[in-house]
Structure formats: C-alpha cells, structure tokens
Amino acid sequence: MEKYDWESYSAVIDPQDNDFSVVSGTAGYLFAADRFIGAAGVGLRSIQPAVRAYLESYYAPGERWPARMLVQFNRKSGQYKVLFEESDKSRWKLTPRNMDAMYEELRPQF
C-alpha cells in the first residue's frame, strides 16, 4: 500500500457463518483525495484476533454478531469509523453493475 499516495482505506469484513472467530473474507479499497485507487486486501489471520476482541467489547455475551462490518480509516486525519450490517450479507458487495456507486459509498467521508 505504501507505493500508492493513498489518503483513506475501507475494508469490508465477512464472517464465516456469523462467527468472527473465523473471518472468511475481506475486501479492501484504497482512495486518494479525489479518486478510487484500487483494491488492497488484508491478511485474514492477521485481523481475526483484533476483530474478535472488538466485537466482544461491543456486543453483549450471547448477542448475535453482525453479518458484515465496514471499517473506514483516513490516514491524514487519523479518523476511523466502524459500521455494522446486522443481517444483509450482500450489503457493501461490489459487482460490475454497482462499481462506481459502491466505490463512493465505501469511500470514507469524515
């Protein structure tokens, strides 16, 4: 990621069977101030402990965890946001038909 002049990053994190102890997928997106730069993944094993710890601190024991989560970070300001989708596994899903609109929805707006 360092070879790009990126300003912000968004990652969509998917659990396996709504169990964040096993993250089944991530999709990451880099943005410059004025445009989408490209996809940038994150290692599943490297984030599993942090994702689990965050959700255990956010949700009560026994409470169902979200279907998906979106983590957004602005490198220049240091601001970040975490959004949860409680049930719709297709939210924030990028397809050829929605690419441009989805890039704008995923772009951090702080």
Protein backbone atom coordinates (compact mmCIF):
# COMPACT_ATOMS: atom_id res chain seq x y z
CA MET A 1 0.00 0.00 0.00
CA GLU A 2 2.91 2.35 0.58
CA LYS A 3 3.72 2.70 -3.12
CA TYR A 4 0.41 4.50 -3.65
CA ASP A 5 -0.37 8.01 -2.47
CA TRP A 6 -3.48 6.89 -0.62
CA GLU A 7 -5.46 9.01 1.80
CA SER A 8 -8.12 6.62 3.03
CA TYR A 9 -8.92 2.94 3.21
CA SER A 10 -12.08 0.88 3.62
CA ALA A 11 -12.32 -2.81 4.42
CA VAL A 12 -15.43 -4.98 4.29
CA ILE A 13 -15.06 -7.92 6.66
CA ASP A 14 -17.11 -11.11 6.34
CA PRO A 15 -17.53 -13.76 8.99
CA GLN A 16 -17.98 -17.45 8.34
CA ASP A 17 -21.46 -18.42 9.49
CA ASN A 18 -21.67 -15.20 11.53
CA ASP A 19 -18.71 -16.28 13.65
CA PHE A 20 -15.92 -13.72 13.61
CA SER A 21 -13.53 -16.22 15.16
CA VAL A 22 -13.20 -17.37 11.56
CA VAL A 23 -13.11 -14.43 9.16
CA SER A 24 -13.92 -15.89 5.76
CA GLY A 25 -13.18 -12.87 3.62
CA THR A 26 -12.13 -9.28 3.38
CA ALA A 27 -12.22 -6.75 0.61
CA GLY A 28 -10.14 -3.60 0.90
CA TYR A 29 -10.24 -0.39 -1.11
CA LEU A 30 -7.71 2.46 -1.32
CA PHE A 31 -8.71 6.03 -2.09
CA ALA A 32 -6.82 9.19 -2.98
CA ALA A 33 -8.38 12.52 -2.05
CA ASP A 34 -10.17 12.67 -5.40
CA ARG A 35 -10.47 9.12 -6.70
CA PHE A 36 -10.58 5.39 -6.13
CA ILE A 37 -7.07 3.93 -6.47
CA GLY A 38 -7.63 0.19 -6.32
CA ALA A 39 -8.23 -2.92 -4.29
CA ALA A 40 -5.98 -3.70 -1.33
CA GLY A 41 -6.57 -6.81 0.72
CA VAL A 42 -5.67 -7.58 4.28
CA GLY A 43 -4.45 -10.91 5.69
CA LEU A 44 -7.30 -12.83 7.29
CA ARG A 45 -5.22 -14.39 10.05
CA SER A 46 -3.68 -11.06 10.98
CA ILE A 47 -7.02 -9.40 11.71
CA GLN A 48 -9.02 -12.23 13.32
CA PRO A 49 -7.89 -11.61 16.92
CA ALA A 50 -8.49 -7.86 16.67
CA VAL A 51 -11.91 -8.25 15.04
CA ARG A 52 -12.99 -10.76 17.67
CA ALA A 53 -11.76 -8.58 20.55
CA TYR A 54 -13.53 -5.52 19.14
CA LEU A 55 -16.84 -7.33 18.71
CA GLU A 56 -16.65 -8.95 22.13
CA SER A 57 -16.28 -5.47 23.63
CA TYR A 58 -19.15 -4.07 21.55
CA TYR A 59 -21.78 -6.82 21.79
CA ALA A 60 -23.14 -8.41 24.96
CA PRO A 61 -22.29 -12.09 25.59
CA GLY A 62 -24.67 -14.30 23.63
CA GLU A 63 -25.82 -11.44 21.41
CA ARG A 64 -25.69 -12.22 17.68
CA TRP A 65 -22.80 -10.57 15.90
CA PRO A 66 -23.28 -8.71 12.59
CA ALA A 67 -23.43 -10.30 9.17
CA ARG A 68 -20.75 -7.88 7.89
CA MET A 69 -18.73 -4.94 9.04
CA LEU A 70 -17.16 -1.98 7.29
CA VAL A 71 -14.02 -0.39 8.71
CA GLN A 72 -13.03 3.00 7.30
CA PHE A 73 -9.83 4.90 8.03
CA ASN A 74 -8.49 8.29 6.98
CA ARG A 75 -4.71 8.23 7.03
CA LYS A 76 -4.23 12.01 7.10
CA SER A 77 -6.65 12.84 9.92
CA GLY A 78 -6.39 9.56 11.84
CA GLN A 79 -10.18 9.33 11.98
CA TYR A 80 -11.88 5.98 11.64
CA LYS A 81 -15.38 4.55 11.64
CA VAL A 82 -16.76 1.05 12.09
CA LEU A 83 -20.21 0.26 10.68
CA PHE A 84 -22.15 -2.95 11.18
CA GLU A 85 -24.66 -4.67 8.92
CA GLU A 86 -26.75 -6.83 11.18
CA SER A 87 -28.42 -9.12 8.63
CA ASP A 88 -27.84 -8.31 4.94
CA LYS A 89 -24.77 -10.24 3.74
CA SER A 90 -24.96 -8.53 0.36
CA ARG A 91 -24.51 -5.02 1.77
CA TRP A 92 -21.30 -3.38 0.51
CA LYS A 93 -20.95 -6.11 -2.12
CA LEU A 94 -19.14 -4.87 -5.20
CA THR A 95 -20.46 -6.06 -8.57
CA PRO A 96 -19.82 -4.93 -12.15
CA ARG A 97 -23.21 -3.20 -12.16
CA ASN A 98 -22.67 -1.14 -9.00
CA MET A 99 -18.91 -0.48 -9.02
CA ASP A 100 -18.90 3.29 -9.35
CA ALA A 101 -21.72 3.85 -6.87
CA MET A 102 -20.23 1.36 -4.40
CA TYR A 103 -16.79 2.98 -4.52
CA GLU A 104 -18.43 6.23 -3.48
CA GLU A 105 -20.43 4.52 -0.72
CA LEU A 106 -17.29 2.83 0.61
CA ARG A 107 -15.14 5.97 0.43
CA PRO A 108 -14.61 7.32 3.96
CA GLN A 109 -16.43 10.64 4.41
CA PHE A 110 -15.16 12.29 7.56
